[in-house]
Structure formats: structure tokens, C-alpha cells
Amino acid sequence: MARVRLTMDVEPELRRRIKVAAASRDETVRGWLERAILRELEEGSDGRTYEEEPELYHSEGPKPKGLPDGEAPRARSGRSVANAVIEDRR
């Protein structure tokens, strides 16, 4: 299965705690976070699991379809959204 990137911003103190926790188990931060996320998804924040209540985790309907080629959203200026974001970050 292909992997995708997941990015998030955290407070410096939380980042430090994650790094310490991963190092204490001789794991990478990526491996530690992946294991923690999987554990949370399996147990659920209230202790329920996917197997016990799959309706909490099921999405209804088909997967949304992407836009046809060449029909990407554009800014009012006519530039692509990606180029507008890049320009805005400069």
C-alpha cells in the first residue's frame, strides 16, 4: 500500500516529549507516532474499538471523485491555486 505524508504543527514542548518517548523505546519519532495513532484508532478515545462499533468509523457513500484534468481550481487572477499559494508564501 502506498504511503502518504501527514503533516501537523505542535508546540515545542510536545515535540520534545514525543522525541524523548520515542528515544526511550529506541524508536524513530515516525514509528512511535504511527504506533500511538494506530493504538488510539484501535481502542478509540472512549475505549470502544472498531470491531465493537464500526458505525463510528464508517464513512457513508462513495469516495468523492477528483476534478477532470485541466479543471483545477484557479484564483481570480487566473493563476492556479498552487501557484497563488506559493506566491503568497514568498
PDB file of N, CA and C in Angstrom:
ATOM      1  N   MET A   1       0.846  -1.176   0.000  1.00  0.00           N
ATOM      2  CA  MET A   1       0.000   0.000   0.000  1.00  0.00           C
ATOM      3  C   MET A   1       0.894   1.243   0.000  1.00  0.00           C
ATOM      4  N   ALA A   2       0.528   2.211  -0.799  1.00  0.00           N
ATOM      5  CA  ALA A   2       1.305   3.448  -0.877  1.00  0.00           C
ATOM      6  C   ALA A   2       1.177   4.241   0.421  1.00  0.00           C
ATOM      7  N   ARG A   3       2.222   4.953   0.753  1.00  0.00           N
ATOM      8  CA  ARG A   3       2.218   5.788   1.956  1.00  0.00           C
ATOM      9  C   ARG A   3       1.976   7.222   1.530  1.00  0.00           C
ATOM     10  N   VAL A   4       1.323   7.989   2.373  1.00  0.00           N
ATOM     11  CA  VAL A   4       1.104   9.413   2.137  1.00  0.00           C
ATOM     12  C   VAL A   4       1.659  10.191   3.316  1.00  0.00           C
ATOM     13  N   ARG A   5       2.006  11.435   3.065  1.00  0.00           N
ATOM     14  CA  ARG A   5       2.590  12.281   4.108  1.00  0.00           C
ATOM     15  C   ARG A   5       1.475  12.934   4.922  1.00  0.00           C
ATOM     16  N   LEU A   6       1.657  12.963   6.223  1.00  0.00           N
ATOM     17  CA  LEU A   6       0.751  13.627   7.152  1.00  0.00           C
ATOM     18  C   LEU A   6       1.581  14.653   7.909  1.00  0.00           C
ATOM     19  N   THR A   7       1.175  15.907   7.847  1.00  0.00           N
ATOM     20  CA  THR A   7       1.945  16.975   8.471  1.00  0.00           C
ATOM     21  C   THR A   7       1.087  17.693   9.496  1.00  0.00           C
ATOM     22  N   MET A   8       1.690  18.042  10.634  1.00  0.00           N
ATOM     23  CA  MET A   8       0.965  18.806  11.644  1.00  0.00           C
ATOM     24  C   MET A   8       1.939  19.673  12.425  1.00  0.00           C
ATOM     25  N   ASP A   9       1.424  20.733  12.997  1.00  0.00           N
ATOM     26  CA  ASP A   9       2.217  21.622  13.836  1.00  0.00           C
ATOM     27  C   ASP A   9       1.904  21.320  15.293  1.00  0.00           C
ATOM     28  N   VAL A  10       2.937  21.253  16.110  1.00  0.00           N
ATOM     29  CA  VAL A  10       2.762  21.020  17.542  1.00  0.00           C
ATOM     30  C   VAL A  10       3.610  22.023  18.314  1.00  0.00           C
ATOM     31  N   GLU A  11       3.273  22.187  19.572  1.00  0.00           N
ATOM     32  CA  GLU A  11       4.054  23.057  20.447  1.00  0.00           C
ATOM     33  C   GLU A  11       5.439  22.439  20.660  1.00  0.00           C
ATOM     34  N   PRO A  12       6.457  23.253  20.841  1.00  0.00           N
ATOM     35  CA  PRO A  12       7.814  22.722  21.052  1.00  0.00           C
ATOM     36  C   PRO A  12       7.904  21.732  22.215  1.00  0.00           C
ATOM     37  N   GLU A  13       7.181  21.971  23.286  1.00  0.00           N
ATOM     38  CA  GLU A  13       7.227  21.071  24.439  1.00  0.00           C
ATOM     39  C   GLU A  13       6.660  19.698  24.085  1.00  0.00           C
ATOM     40  N   LEU A  14       5.569  19.661  23.307  1.00  0.00           N
ATOM     41  CA  LEU A  14       5.002  18.374  22.895  1.00  0.00           C
ATOM     42  C   LEU A  14       5.983  17.644  21.981  1.00  0.00           C
ATOM     43  N   ARG A  15       6.611  18.360  21.078  1.00  0.00           N
ATOM     44  CA  ARG A  15       7.612  17.750  20.194  1.00  0.00           C
ATOM     45  C   ARG A  15       8.742  17.134  21.019  1.00  0.00           C
ATOM     46  N   ARG A  16       9.204  17.863  22.021  1.00  0.00           N
ATOM     47  CA  ARG A  16      10.270  17.356  22.884  1.00  0.00           C
ATOM     48  C   ARG A  16       9.833  16.081  23.596  1.00  0.00           C
ATOM     49  N   ARG A  17       8.611  16.079  24.121  1.00  0.00           N
ATOM     50  CA  ARG A  17       8.103  14.900  24.835  1.00  0.00           C
ATOM     51  C   ARG A  17       7.992  13.692  23.909  1.00  0.00           C
ATOM     52  N   ILE A  18       7.557  13.925  22.670  1.00  0.00           N
ATOM     53  CA  ILE A  18       7.450  12.837  21.690  1.00  0.00           C
ATOM     54  C   ILE A  18       8.834  12.270  21.389  1.00  0.00           C
ATOM     55  N   LYS A  19       9.807  13.160  21.173  1.00  0.00           N
ATOM     56  CA  LYS A  19      11.170  12.709  20.876  1.00  0.00           C
ATOM     57  C   LYS A  19      11.750  11.903  22.036  1.00  0.00           C
ATOM     58  N   VAL A  20      11.513  12.348  23.265  1.00  0.00           N
ATOM     59  CA  VAL A  20      12.008  11.631  24.442  1.00  0.00           C
ATOM     60  C   VAL A  20      11.338  10.263  24.543  1.00  0.00           C
ATOM     61  N   ALA A  21      10.019  10.217  24.329  1.00  0.00           N
ATOM     62  CA  ALA A  21       9.295   8.946  24.414  1.00  0.00           C
ATOM     63  C   ALA A  21       9.786   7.966  23.350  1.00  0.00           C
ATOM     64  N   ALA A  22       9.992   8.443  22.134  1.00  0.00           N
ATOM     65  CA  ALA A  22      10.481   7.576  21.058  1.00  0.00           C
ATOM     66  C   ALA A  22      11.889   7.078  21.372  1.00  0.00           C
ATOM     67  N   ALA A  23      12.751   7.974  21.822  1.00  0.00           N
ATOM     68  CA  ALA A  23      14.130   7.592  22.134  1.00  0.00           C
ATOM     69  C   ALA A  23      14.181   6.588  23.283  1.00  0.00           C
ATOM     70  N   SER A  24      13.281   6.737  24.252  1.00  0.00           N
ATOM     71  CA  SER A  24      13.290   5.819  25.394  1.00  0.00           C
ATOM     72  C   SER A  24      12.914   4.399  24.985  1.00  0.00           C
ATOM     73  N   ARG A  25      12.240   4.267  23.848  1.00  0.00           N
ATOM     74  CA  ARG A  25      11.885   2.944  23.326  1.00  0.00           C
ATOM     75  C   ARG A  25      12.779   2.541  22.157  1.00  0.00           C
ATOM     76  N   ASP A  26      13.805   3.350  21.905  1.00  0.00           N
ATOM     77  CA  ASP A  26      14.730   3.103  20.802  1.00  0.00           C
ATOM     78  C   ASP A  26      13.973   3.019  19.473  1.00  0.00           C
ATOM     79  N   GLU A  27      13.029   3.948  19.272  1.00  0.00           N
ATOM     80  CA  GLU A  27      12.233   4.026  18.054  1.00  0.00           C
ATOM     81  C   GLU A  27      12.466   5.369  17.384  1.00  0.00           C
ATOM     82  N   THR A  28      12.101   5.430  16.118  1.00  0.00           N
ATOM     83  CA  THR A  28      12.092   6.721  15.444  1.00  0.00           C
ATOM     84  C   THR A  28      10.831   7.460  15.873  1.00  0.00           C
ATOM     85  N   VAL A  29      10.834   8.773  15.711  1.00  0.00           N
ATOM     86  CA  VAL A  29       9.629   9.552  16.017  1.00  0.00           C
ATOM     87  C   VAL A  29       8.490   9.078  15.124  1.00  0.00           C
ATOM     88  N   ARG A  30       8.800   8.838  13.857  1.00  0.00           N
ATOM     89  CA  ARG A  30       7.773   8.371  12.924  1.00  0.00           C
ATOM     90  C   ARG A  30       7.158   7.056  13.395  1.00  0.00           C
ATOM     91  N   GLY A  31       7.995   6.112  13.770  1.00  0.00           N
ATOM     92  CA  GLY A  31       7.496   4.821  14.233  1.00  0.00           C
ATOM     93  C   GLY A  31       6.687   4.939  15.511  1.00  0.00           C
ATOM     94  N   TRP A  32       7.163   5.772  16.434  1.00  0.00           N
ATOM     95  CA  TRP A  32       6.455   5.961  17.697  1.00  0.00           C
ATOM     96  C   TRP A  32       5.083   6.579  17.455  1.00  0.00           C
ATOM     97  N   LEU A  33       5.039   7.623  16.605  1.00  0.00           N
ATOM     98  CA  LEU A  33       3.760   8.279  16.315  1.00  0.00           C
ATOM     99  C   LEU A  33       2.803   7.342  15.591  1.00  0.00           C
ATOM    100  N   GLU A  34       3.320   6.578  14.635  1.00  0.00           N
ATOM    101  CA  GLU A  34       2.457   5.648  13.907  1.00  0.00           C
ATOM    102  C   GLU A  34       1.844   4.629  14.861  1.00  0.00           C
ATOM    103  N   ARG A  35       2.657   4.094  15.763  1.00  0.00           N
ATOM    104  CA  ARG A  35       2.154   3.122  16.736  1.00  0.00           C
ATOM    105  C   ARG A  35       1.122   3.759  17.662  1.00  0.00           C
ATOM    106  N   ALA A  36       1.380   4.991  18.110  1.00  0.00           N
ATOM    107  CA  ALA A  36       0.444   5.682  19.001  1.00  0.00           C
ATOM    108  C   ALA A  36      -0.883   5.959  18.302  1.00  0.00           C
ATOM    109  N   ILE A  37      -0.821   6.366  17.047  1.00  0.00           N
ATOM    110  CA  ILE A  37      -2.051   6.646  16.294  1.00  0.00           C
ATOM    111  C   ILE A  37      -2.838   5.362  16.080  1.00  0.00           C
ATOM    112  N   LEU A  38      -2.162   4.295  15.674  1.00  0.00           N
ATOM    113  CA  LEU A  38      -2.854   3.019  15.469  1.00  0.00           C
ATOM    114  C   LEU A  38      -3.492   2.524  16.760  1.00  0.00           C
ATOM    115  N   ARG A  39      -2.775   2.660  17.871  1.00  0.00           N
ATOM    116  CA  ARG A  39      -3.332   2.245  19.167  1.00  0.00           C
ATOM    117  C   ARG A  39      -4.596   3.045  19.472  1.00  0.00           C
ATOM    118  N   GLU A  40      -4.568   4.344  19.248  1.00  0.00           N
ATOM    119  CA  GLU A  40      -5.733   5.194  19.509  1.00  0.00           C
ATOM    120  C   GLU A  40      -6.904   4.809  18.613  1.00  0.00           C
ATOM    121  N   LEU A  41      -6.628   4.525  17.347  1.00  0.00           N
ATOM    122  CA  LEU A  41      -7.698   4.141  16.427  1.00  0.00           C
ATOM    123  C   LEU A  41      -8.295   2.792  16.793  1.00  0.00           C
ATOM    124  N   GLU A  42      -7.467   1.876  17.255  1.00  0.00           N
ATOM    125  CA  GLU A  42      -7.960   0.557  17.647  1.00  0.00           C
ATOM    126  C   GLU A  42      -8.779   0.622  18.929  1.00  0.00           C
ATOM    127  N   GLU A  43      -8.334   1.413  19.893  1.00  0.00           N
ATOM    128  CA  GLU A  43      -9.014   1.493  21.183  1.00  0.00           C
ATOM    129  C   GLU A  43     -10.089   2.560  21.195  1.00  0.00           C
ATOM    130  N   GLY A  44      -9.927   3.612  20.432  1.00  0.00           N
ATOM    131  CA  GLY A  44     -10.858   4.727  20.465  1.00  0.00           C
ATOM    132  C   GLY A  44     -10.616   5.562  21.702  1.00  0.00           C
ATOM    133  N   SER A  45     -10.957   6.819  21.632  1.00  0.00           N
ATOM    134  CA  SER A  45     -10.687   7.711  22.757  1.00  0.00           C
ATOM    135  C   SER A  45     -11.551   7.381  23.965  1.00  0.00           C
ATOM    136  N   ASP A  46     -12.668   6.700  23.752  1.00  0.00           N
ATOM    137  CA  ASP A  46     -13.525   6.343  24.882  1.00  0.00           C
ATOM    138  C   ASP A  46     -13.462   4.846  25.187  1.00  0.00           C
ATOM    139  N   GLY A  47     -12.464   4.167  24.635  1.00  0.00           N
ATOM    140  CA  GLY A  47     -12.283   2.754  24.924  1.00  0.00           C
ATOM    141  C   GLY A  47     -12.986   1.813  23.966  1.00  0.00           C
ATOM    142  N   ARG A  48     -13.868   2.332  23.115  1.00  0.00           N
ATOM    143  CA  ARG A  48     -14.566   1.474  22.164  1.00  0.00           C
ATOM    144  C   ARG A  48     -13.644   1.160  20.989  1.00  0.00           C
ATOM    145  N   THR A  49     -13.782  -0.021  20.429  1.00  0.00           N
ATOM    146  CA  THR A  49     -12.940  -0.417  19.309  1.00  0.00           C
ATOM    147  C   THR A  49     -13.746  -0.428  18.020  1.00  0.00           C
ATOM    148  N   TYR A  50     -13.024  -0.457  16.906  1.00  0.00           N
ATOM    149  CA  TYR A  50     -13.669  -0.541  15.600  1.00  0.00           C
ATOM    150  C   TYR A  50     -14.533  -1.791  15.511  1.00  0.00           C
ATOM    151  N   GLU A  51     -14.024  -2.901  16.036  1.00  0.00           N
ATOM    152  CA  GLU A  51     -14.774  -4.151  15.970  1.00  0.00           C
ATOM    153  C   GLU A  51     -16.076  -4.067  16.770  1.00  0.00           C
ATOM    154  N   GLU A  52     -16.070  -3.325  17.881  1.00  0.00           N
ATOM    155  CA  GLU A  52     -17.264  -3.213  18.718  1.00  0.00           C
ATOM    156  C   GLU A  52     -18.304  -2.267  18.116  1.00  0.00           C
ATOM    157  N   GLU A  53     -17.865  -1.177  17.527  1.00  0.00           N
ATOM    158  CA  GLU A  53     -18.800  -0.183  16.998  1.00  0.00           C
ATOM    159  C   GLU A  53     -18.304   0.374  15.669  1.00  0.00           C
ATOM    160  N   PRO A  54     -18.355  -0.447  14.608  1.00  0.00           N
ATOM    161  CA  PRO A  54     -17.817   0.004  13.325  1.00  0.00           C
ATOM    162  C   PRO A  54     -18.548   1.212  12.750  1.00  0.00           C
ATOM    163  N   GLU A  55     -19.790   1.441  13.162  1.00  0.00           N
ATOM    164  CA  GLU A  55     -20.529   2.594  12.624  1.00  0.00           C
ATOM    165  C   GLU A  55     -19.872   3.917  13.004  1.00  0.00           C
ATOM    166  N   LEU A  56     -19.090   3.928  14.067  1.00  0.00           N
ATOM    167  CA  LEU A  56     -18.387   5.154  14.452  1.00  0.00           C
ATOM    168  C   LEU A  56     -17.262   5.488  13.484  1.00  0.00           C
ATOM    169  N   TYR A  57     -16.796   4.505  12.748  1.00  0.00           N
ATOM    170  CA  TYR A  57     -15.634   4.686  11.889  1.00  0.00           C
ATOM    171  C   TYR A  57     -15.971   4.583  10.404  1.00  0.00           C
ATOM    172  N   HIS A  58     -17.186   4.253  10.082  1.00  0.00           N
ATOM    173  CA  HIS A  58     -17.554   4.014   8.689  1.00  0.00           C
ATOM    174  C   HIS A  58     -17.985   5.312   8.024  1.00  0.00           C
ATOM    175  N   SER A  59     -17.498   5.537   6.825  1.00  0.00           N
ATOM    176  CA  SER A  59     -17.955   6.698   6.061  1.00  0.00           C
ATOM    177  C   SER A  59     -18.982   6.221   5.048  1.00  0.00           C
ATOM    178  N   GLU A  60     -20.042   6.952   4.935  1.00  0.00           N
ATOM    179  CA  GLU A  60     -21.125   6.589   4.033  1.00  0.00           C
ATOM    180  C   GLU A  60     -20.834   7.077   2.620  1.00  0.00           C
ATOM    181  N   GLY A  61     -21.345   6.362   1.655  1.00  0.00           N
ATOM    182  CA  GLY A  61     -21.274   6.797   0.272  1.00  0.00           C
ATOM    183  C   GLY A  61     -19.937   6.525  -0.387  1.00  0.00           C
ATOM    184  N   PRO A  62     -19.913   6.767  -1.688  1.00  0.00           N
ATOM    185  CA  PRO A  62     -18.682   6.520  -2.436  1.00  0.00           C
ATOM    186  C   PRO A  62     -17.630   7.585  -2.167  1.00  0.00           C
ATOM    187  N   LYS A  63     -16.410   7.246  -2.498  1.00  0.00           N
ATOM    188  CA  LYS A  63     -15.311   8.197  -2.369  1.00  0.00           C
ATOM    189  C   LYS A  63     -15.539   9.337  -3.363  1.00  0.00           C
ATOM    190  N   PRO A  64     -15.355  10.592  -2.947  1.00  0.00           N
ATOM    191  CA  PRO A  64     -15.542  11.710  -3.874  1.00  0.00           C
ATOM    192  C   PRO A  64     -14.586  11.600  -5.054  1.00  0.00           C
ATOM    193  N   LYS A  65     -15.090  11.999  -6.220  1.00  0.00           N
ATOM    194  CA  LYS A  65     -14.263  11.963  -7.421  1.00  0.00           C
ATOM    195  C   LYS A  65     -13.499  13.263  -7.544  1.00  0.00           C
ATOM    196  N   GLY A  66     -12.307  13.174  -8.070  1.00  0.00           N
ATOM    197  CA  GLY A  66     -11.495  14.361  -8.302  1.00  0.00           C
ATOM    198  C   GLY A  66     -11.995  15.136  -9.511  1.00  0.00           C
ATOM    199  N   LEU A  67     -11.446  16.293  -9.703  1.00  0.00           N
ATOM    200  CA  LEU A  67     -11.796  17.095 -10.866  1.00  0.00           C
ATOM    201  C   LEU A  67     -11.148  16.509 -12.108  1.00  0.00           C
ATOM    202  N   PRO A  68     -11.814  16.642 -13.264  1.00  0.00           N
ATOM    203  CA  PRO A  68     -11.186  16.182 -14.511  1.00  0.00           C
ATOM    204  C   PRO A  68      -9.902  16.959 -14.776  1.00  0.00           C
ATOM    205  N   ASP A  69      -9.003  16.351 -15.529  1.00  0.00           N
ATOM    206  CA  ASP A  69      -7.740  17.013 -15.870  1.00  0.00           C
ATOM    207  C   ASP A  69      -8.006  18.365 -16.509  1.00  0.00           C
ATOM    208  N   GLY A  70      -7.225  19.337 -16.111  1.00  0.00           N
ATOM    209  CA  GLY A  70      -7.345  20.673 -16.686  1.00  0.00           C
ATOM    210  C   GLY A  70      -8.406  21.536 -16.035  1.00  0.00           C
ATOM    211  N   GLU A  71      -9.125  21.006 -15.040  1.00  0.00           N
ATOM    212  CA  GLU A  71     -10.177  21.786 -14.393  1.00  0.00           C
ATOM    213  C   GLU A  71      -9.846  22.075 -12.930  1.00  0.00           C
ATOM    214  N   ALA A  72      -8.586  22.240 -12.641  1.00  0.00           N
ATOM    215  CA  ALA A  72      -8.181  22.563 -11.276  1.00  0.00           C
ATOM    216  C   ALA A  72      -8.688  23.947 -10.906  1.00  0.00           C
ATOM    217  N   PRO A  73      -9.004  24.173  -9.637  1.00  0.00           N
ATOM    218  CA  PRO A  73      -9.468  25.496  -9.217  1.00  0.00           C
ATOM    219  C   PRO A  73      -8.426  26.557  -9.537  1.00  0.00           C
ATOM    220  N   ARG A  74      -8.890  27.726  -9.877  1.00  0.00           N
ATOM    221  CA  ARG A  74      -7.985  28.830 -10.187  1.00  0.00           C
ATOM    222  C   ARG A  74      -8.387  30.050  -9.380  1.00  0.00           C
ATOM    223  N   ALA A  75      -7.386  30.844  -9.041  1.00  0.00           N
ATOM    224  CA  ALA A  75      -7.635  32.109  -8.350  1.00  0.00           C
ATOM    225  C   ALA A  75      -8.264  33.090  -9.331  1.00  0.00           C
ATOM    226  N   ARG A  76      -8.868  34.150  -8.816  1.00  0.00           N
ATOM    227  CA  ARG A  76      -9.487  35.152  -9.692  1.00  0.00           C
ATOM    228  C   ARG A  76      -8.496  35.741 -10.682  1.00  0.00           C
ATOM    229  N   SER A  77      -7.231  35.773 -10.287  1.00  0.00           N
ATOM    230  CA  SER A  77      -6.201  36.331 -11.166  1.00  0.00           C
ATOM    231  C   SER A  77      -5.904  35.417 -12.345  1.00  0.00           C
ATOM    232  N   GLY A  78      -6.407  34.183 -12.320  1.00  0.00           N
ATOM    233  CA  GLY A  78      -6.157  33.238 -13.393  1.00  0.00           C
ATOM    234  C   GLY A  78      -5.033  32.270 -13.090  1.00  0.00           C
ATOM    235  N   ARG A  79      -4.259  32.564 -12.040  1.00  0.00           N
ATOM    236  CA  ARG A  79      -3.190  31.646 -11.648  1.00  0.00           C
ATOM    237  C   ARG A  79      -3.798  30.418 -10.980  1.00  0.00           C
ATOM    238  N   SER A  80      -3.078  29.322 -11.028  1.00  0.00           N
ATOM    239  CA  SER A  80      -3.562  28.134 -10.327  1.00  0.00           C
ATOM    240  C   SER A  80      -3.498  28.397  -8.823  1.00  0.00           C
ATOM    241  N   VAL A  81      -4.290  27.669  -8.064  1.00  0.00           N
ATOM    242  CA  VAL A  81      -4.297  27.833  -6.612  1.00  0.00           C
ATOM    243  C   VAL A  81      -2.914  27.518  -6.050  1.00  0.00           C
ATOM    244  N   ALA A  82      -2.266  26.468  -6.571  1.00  0.00           N
ATOM    245  CA  ALA A  82      -0.930  26.109  -6.084  1.00  0.00           C
ATOM    246  C   ALA A  82       0.047  27.256  -6.299  1.00  0.00           C
ATOM    247  N   ASN A  83       0.021  27.865  -7.476  1.00  0.00           N
ATOM    248  CA  ASN A  83       0.924  28.988  -7.746  1.00  0.00           C
ATOM    249  C   ASN A  83       0.574  30.188  -6.881  1.00  0.00           C
ATOM    250  N   ALA A  84      -0.712  30.411  -6.631  1.00  0.00           N
ATOM    251  CA  ALA A  84      -1.121  31.529  -5.783  1.00  0.00           C
ATOM    252  C   ALA A  84      -0.620  31.326  -4.355  1.00  0.00           C
ATOM    253  N   VAL A  85      -0.680  30.097  -3.859  1.00  0.00           N
ATOM    254  CA  VAL A  85      -0.197  29.805  -2.510  1.00  0.00           C
ATOM    255  C   VAL A  85       1.310  30.002  -2.441  1.00  0.00           C
ATOM    256  N   ILE A  86       2.015  29.499  -3.448  1.00  0.00           N
ATOM    257  CA  ILE A  86       3.475  29.670  -3.483  1.00  0.00           C
ATOM    258  C   ILE A  86       3.820  31.146  -3.521  1.00  0.00           C
ATOM    259  N   GLU A  87       3.119  31.905  -4.348  1.00  0.00           N
ATOM    260  CA  GLU A  87       3.379  33.340  -4.456  1.00  0.00           C
ATOM    261  C   GLU A  87       3.102  34.033  -3.123  1.00  0.00           C
ATOM    262  N   ASP A  88       2.036  33.622  -2.445  1.00  0.00           N
ATOM    263  CA  ASP A  88       1.665  34.236  -1.172  1.00  0.00           C
ATOM    264  C   ASP A  88       2.713  33.961  -0.090  1.00  0.00           C
ATOM    265  N   ARG A  89       3.395  32.832  -0.178  1.00  0.00           N
ATOM    266  CA  ARG A  89       4.385  32.458   0.840  1.00  0.00           C
ATOM    267  C   ARG A  89       5.729  33.144   0.638  1.00  0.00           C
ATOM    268  N   ARG A  90       5.925  33.799  -0.491  1.00  0.00           N
ATOM    269  CA  ARG A  90       7.214  34.464  -0.759  1.00  0.00           C
ATOM    270  C   ARG A  90       7.335  35.752  -0.017  1.00  0.00           C
TER     271      ARG A  90
END
